[in-house]
């Protein structure tokens, strides 16, 4: 293991890196400047927990199980079959990233990679035979083979940008709809409550007015027949007595 002051961590701050141009053996041989990188002597270490030390909950949260992987493969296969049949993707799904699962696209992809490798290695072998090294020529040879791939990559990037924009708009609409639903629900609750109170007051006022109206339009209560008979009997008896007295006094 290298001494501590020479250890390099992938977490070194890029601002502490220095690019230096020097003249090594290759640069003196081919007359080119070769860039090299040196790192700041101060190294920061970040300790990362090994996955063997994860708890079962952490393992389940970070890694897919075999069952989950099988389900994903089945879902992927169904989506590819749907794509090959010329059908549109289902709602809230996309075929993006599954293009090379189609046999024709996969074959073309493999052919492009092998053609690129063959072209670069052939050029490298030619340079070795001529005792030379020209990285720019290697680059140009590779670009000549990958020109179609670069064009396709730009088209796919434009497609991804469009899809990302639509997804962003859709997310915004969904968020606004959720907010509207919450607002409408709150308003409905408030309206319902106020309406219920209003209806209760109206019904109460109607009942009060109806009772008052009935009370004012009701005829006066008459004496019951029982009370009439009770009072009328003595009166009739008294009249008879008076009549009898008059008859006696005036024979």
Protein backbone atom coordinates (compact mmCIF):
# COMPACT_ATOMS: atom_id res chain seq x y z
CA UNK A 1 0.00 0.00 0.00
CA UNK A 2 1.28 3.46 -0.86
CA UNK A 3 2.31 5.86 1.92
CA UNK A 4 -0.51 7.89 3.39
CA UNK A 5 0.70 11.14 1.85
CA UNK A 6 0.57 9.54 -1.61
CA UNK A 7 -2.83 7.87 -1.31
CA UNK A 8 -5.45 9.32 -3.62
CA UNK A 9 -9.15 9.32 -2.86
CA UNK A 10 -11.91 9.61 -5.44
CA UNK A 11 -13.39 12.29 -3.18
CA UNK A 12 -10.53 14.75 -3.74
CA UNK A 13 -11.80 18.23 -4.46
CA UNK A 14 -11.37 19.05 -8.12
CA UNK A 15 -10.42 22.59 -7.27
CA UNK A 16 -7.29 21.18 -5.61
CA UNK A 17 -6.20 19.38 -8.77
CA UNK A 18 -3.55 20.84 -11.01
CA UNK A 19 -3.08 20.13 -14.71
CA UNK A 20 0.54 20.26 -15.67
CA UNK A 21 2.00 20.01 -19.15
CA UNK A 22 5.38 18.35 -19.23
CA UNK A 23 7.74 16.91 -21.78
CA UNK A 24 8.02 13.20 -21.16
CA UNK A 25 9.61 10.53 -23.30
CA UNK A 26 6.53 10.23 -25.53
CA UNK A 27 6.26 14.00 -25.98
CA UNK A 28 9.92 14.26 -26.96
CA UNK A 29 9.53 11.28 -29.27
CA UNK A 30 6.48 12.53 -31.15
CA UNK A 31 6.86 16.26 -30.61
CA UNK A 32 3.55 16.59 -28.70
CA UNK A 33 2.71 17.85 -25.25
CA UNK A 34 1.03 15.23 -23.08
CA UNK A 35 -1.18 16.34 -20.22
CA UNK A 36 -0.72 14.77 -16.83
CA UNK A 37 -2.55 15.21 -13.56
CA UNK A 38 -1.18 15.63 -10.06
CA UNK A 39 -3.28 15.79 -6.92
CA UNK A 40 -3.17 17.91 -3.82
CA UNK A 41 -1.11 16.27 -1.06
CA UNK A 42 -3.94 16.60 1.46
CA UNK A 43 -6.27 13.63 1.16
CA UNK A 44 -9.75 13.34 2.66
CA UNK A 45 -11.03 9.86 3.46
CA UNK A 46 -14.74 9.03 3.61
CA UNK A 47 -15.58 5.75 5.29
CA UNK A 48 -18.40 3.83 3.62
CA UNK A 49 -20.31 1.05 5.36
CA UNK A 50 -19.74 -2.31 3.71
CA UNK A 51 -22.87 -3.99 2.42
CA UNK A 52 -22.11 -6.99 4.65
CA UNK A 53 -22.76 -4.70 7.61
CA UNK A 54 -26.20 -3.62 6.36
CA UNK A 55 -29.25 -4.55 8.38
CA UNK A 56 -31.96 -6.61 6.68
CA UNK A 57 -34.12 -3.48 6.33
CA UNK A 58 -31.26 -1.56 4.70
CA UNK A 59 -30.47 -4.47 2.38
CA UNK A 60 -34.09 -4.72 1.24
CA UNK A 61 -34.22 -0.96 0.69
CA UNK A 62 -31.00 -0.85 -1.35
CA UNK A 63 -30.98 -4.10 -3.35
CA UNK A 64 -33.49 -5.96 -5.48
CA UNK A 65 -34.38 -9.50 -4.57
CA UNK A 66 -34.42 -12.34 -7.11
CA UNK A 67 -38.22 -12.25 -7.15
CA UNK A 68 -38.23 -8.52 -7.88
CA UNK A 69 -35.68 -9.01 -10.64
CA UNK A 70 -37.78 -11.74 -12.24
CA UNK A 71 -40.85 -9.49 -12.14
CA UNK A 72 -38.89 -6.68 -13.80
CA UNK A 73 -37.65 -9.02 -16.53
CA UNK A 74 -41.18 -10.23 -17.20
CA UNK A 75 -42.47 -6.66 -17.35
CA UNK A 76 -39.62 -5.72 -19.68
CA UNK A 77 -40.36 -8.65 -21.98
CA UNK A 78 -44.05 -7.74 -22.15
CA UNK A 79 -43.18 -4.13 -23.01
CA UNK A 80 -40.76 -5.23 -25.75
CA UNK A 81 -43.38 -7.55 -27.26
CA UNK A 82 -45.85 -4.68 -27.25
CA UNK A 83 -43.30 -2.39 -28.90
CA UNK A 84 -42.48 -4.96 -31.60
CA UNK A 85 -46.21 -5.32 -32.32
CA UNK A 86 -46.36 -1.61 -33.12
CA UNK A 87 -48.61 -0.75 -30.19
CA UNK A 88 -48.35 2.47 -28.24
CA UNK A 89 -46.99 2.27 -24.70
CA UNK A 90 -49.48 2.01 -21.90
CA UNK A 91 -50.45 5.07 -19.92
CA UNK A 92 -47.67 6.48 -17.74
CA UNK A 93 -45.11 4.11 -19.32
CA UNK A 94 -42.42 4.49 -21.96
CA UNK A 95 -40.41 2.30 -24.31
CA UNK A 96 -37.32 4.45 -23.78
CA UNK A 97 -34.27 2.34 -23.01
CA UNK A 98 -35.78 -0.83 -24.48
CA UNK A 99 -34.83 -0.11 -28.10
CA UNK A 100 -31.89 -2.49 -28.15
CA UNK A 101 -33.98 -5.36 -26.79
CA UNK A 102 -35.44 -5.68 -30.28
CA UNK A 103 -33.35 -8.16 -32.24
CA UNK A 104 -32.74 -5.91 -35.25
CA UNK A 105 -31.63 -2.97 -33.11
CA UNK A 106 -29.48 -5.20 -30.91
CA UNK A 107 -27.70 -6.61 -33.97
CA UNK A 108 -27.07 -3.13 -35.36
CA UNK A 109 -25.76 -1.97 -31.99
CA UNK A 110 -23.31 -4.87 -31.75
CA UNK A 111 -22.16 -4.38 -35.35
CA UNK A 112 -21.45 -0.69 -34.70
CA UNK A 113 -19.34 -1.47 -31.64
CA UNK A 114 -17.32 -4.16 -33.41
CA UNK A 115 -16.81 -1.92 -36.45
CA UNK A 116 -15.49 0.87 -34.22
CA UNK A 117 -13.09 -1.46 -32.42
CA UNK A 118 -11.84 -2.97 -35.68
CA UNK A 119 -11.26 0.46 -37.26
CA UNK A 120 -9.30 1.81 -34.30
CA UNK A 121 -7.19 -1.34 -33.90
CA UNK A 122 -6.42 -1.44 -37.61
CA UNK A 123 -5.25 2.17 -37.49
CA UNK A 124 -3.22 1.49 -34.36
CA UNK A 125 -1.54 -1.49 -36.02
CA UNK A 126 -0.74 0.62 -39.08
CA UNK A 127 0.90 3.26 -36.89
CA UNK A 128 2.93 0.65 -35.05
CA UNK A 129 4.14 -0.75 -38.34
CA UNK A 130 5.29 2.74 -39.31
CA UNK A 131 6.81 3.43 -35.88
CA UNK A 132 4.47 6.33 -35.14
CA UNK A 133 1.74 7.37 -32.74
CA UNK A 134 -1.00 9.78 -33.75
CA UNK A 135 -3.95 9.95 -31.40
CA UNK A 136 -5.76 12.43 -33.61
CA UNK A 137 -5.84 9.91 -36.46
CA UNK A 138 -7.26 7.29 -34.11
CA UNK A 139 -9.93 9.77 -33.12
CA UNK A 140 -10.82 10.59 -36.73
CA UNK A 141 -11.08 6.91 -37.63
CA UNK A 142 -13.38 6.29 -34.68
CA UNK A 143 -15.54 9.30 -35.52
CA UNK A 144 -15.94 8.09 -39.08
CA UNK A 145 -17.47 4.84 -37.84
CA UNK A 146 -19.55 6.37 -35.05
CA UNK A 147 -20.95 9.24 -37.13
CA UNK A 148 -24.31 7.50 -37.53
CA UNK A 149 -24.38 6.69 -33.82
CA UNK A 150 -23.71 10.33 -32.95
CA UNK A 151 -26.58 11.46 -35.17
CA UNK A 152 -28.87 8.89 -33.59
CA UNK A 153 -27.75 9.96 -30.11
CA UNK A 154 -28.65 13.59 -30.85
CA UNK A 155 -32.09 12.52 -32.06
CA UNK A 156 -32.64 10.45 -28.94
CA UNK A 157 -31.49 13.36 -26.78
CA UNK A 158 -34.08 15.60 -28.46
CA UNK A 159 -36.70 12.92 -27.88
CA UNK A 160 -35.70 12.60 -24.21
CA UNK A 161 -35.89 16.37 -23.81
CA UNK A 162 -39.40 16.40 -25.24
CA UNK A 163 -40.49 13.50 -23.02
CA UNK A 164 -38.95 15.14 -19.96
CA UNK A 165 -40.78 18.37 -20.74
CA UNK A 166 -44.09 16.51 -21.09
CA UNK A 167 -43.45 14.64 -17.85
CA UNK A 168 -42.64 17.91 -16.08
CA UNK A 169 -45.85 19.51 -17.38
CA UNK A 170 -47.82 16.41 -16.43
CA UNK A 171 -46.38 16.48 -12.92
CA UNK A 172 -47.30 20.15 -12.64
CA UNK A 173 -50.86 19.44 -13.77
CA UNK A 174 -51.16 16.56 -11.33
CA UNK A 175 -49.87 18.77 -8.51
CA UNK A 176 -52.27 21.58 -9.42
CA UNK A 177 -55.15 19.09 -9.69
CA UNK A 178 -54.32 17.75 -6.25
CA UNK A 179 -54.27 21.26 -4.85
CA UNK A 180 -57.56 22.08 -6.61
CA UNK A 181 -59.17 18.90 -5.28
CA UNK A 182 -58.09 19.76 -1.74
CA UNK A 183 -59.35 23.33 -2.17
CA UNK A 184 -62.68 22.22 -3.66
CA UNK A 185 -63.12 19.63 -0.93
CA UNK A 186 -62.51 22.28 1.72
CA UNK A 187 -64.91 24.71 0.06
CA UNK A 188 -67.59 22.02 -0.26
CA UNK A 189 -67.22 21.19 3.41
CA UNK A 190 -67.47 24.84 4.37
CA UNK A 191 -70.46 25.41 2.08
CA UNK A 192 -72.16 22.29 3.38
CA UNK A 193 -71.68 23.37 6.94
CA UNK A 194 -72.93 26.90 6.29
CA UNK A 195 -75.85 25.58 4.23
CA UNK A 196 -76.84 23.16 6.96
CA UNK A 197 -76.82 25.95 9.53
CA UNK A 198 -78.77 28.20 7.16
CA UNK A 199 -81.36 25.49 6.46
CA UNK A 200 -81.79 24.80 10.16
CA UNK A 201 -82.40 28.50 10.81
CA UNK A 202 -84.90 28.72 7.93
CA UNK A 203 -86.80 25.67 9.13
CA UNK A 204 -86.86 27.06 12.66
CA UNK A 205 -88.18 30.44 11.46
CA UNK A 206 -90.79 28.77 9.25
CA UNK A 207 -91.99 26.67 12.16
CA UNK A 208 -92.22 29.73 14.41
CA UNK A 209 -94.16 31.75 11.81
CA UNK A 210 -96.52 28.86 11.12
CA UNK A 211 -97.29 28.40 14.80
CA UNK A 212 -97.91 32.14 15.19
CA UNK A 213 -100.20 32.23 12.14
CA UNK A 214 -102.20 29.25 13.36
CA UNK A 215 -102.56 30.82 16.76
CA UNK A 216 -103.87 34.15 15.37
CA UNK A 217 -106.34 32.55 12.92
CA UNK A 218 -107.85 30.09 15.44
CA UNK A 219 -111.46 30.94 16.57
CA UNK A 220 -112.11 31.62 20.27
CA UNK A 221 -112.73 28.62 22.37
CA UNK A 222 -116.42 27.95 23.17
CA UNK A 223 -117.62 26.52 26.41
CA UNK A 224 -117.99 22.86 26.47
CA UNK A 225 -121.47 21.33 26.46
CA UNK A 226 -120.82 20.05 29.92
CA UNK A 227 -120.23 23.51 31.31
CA UNK A 228 -123.32 24.85 29.53
CA UNK A 229 -125.48 22.16 31.03
CA UNK A 230 -124.04 22.70 34.45
CA UNK A 231 -124.75 26.44 34.43
CA UNK A 232 -127.92 26.34 32.32
CA UNK A 233 -129.80 24.00 34.69
CA UNK A 234 -129.83 26.36 37.71
CA UNK A 235 -130.72 29.32 35.51
CA UNK A 236 -133.72 27.53 34.06
CA UNK A 237 -134.83 26.48 37.53
CA UNK A 238 -134.53 30.08 38.74
CA UNK A 239 -136.64 31.35 35.80
CA UNK A 240 -139.34 28.83 36.59
CA UNK A 241 -139.43 29.90 40.22
CA UNK A 242 -139.80 33.58 39.25
CA UNK A 243 -142.61 32.71 36.82
CA UNK A 244 -144.40 30.70 39.47
CA UNK A 245 -144.15 33.60 41.95
CA UNK A 246 -145.63 36.02 39.43
CA UNK A 247 -148.48 33.64 38.80
CA UNK A 248 -149.26 33.36 42.50
CA UNK A 249 -149.21 37.12 43.06
CA UNK A 250 -151.39 37.83 40.04
CA UNK A 251 -154.04 35.08 39.94
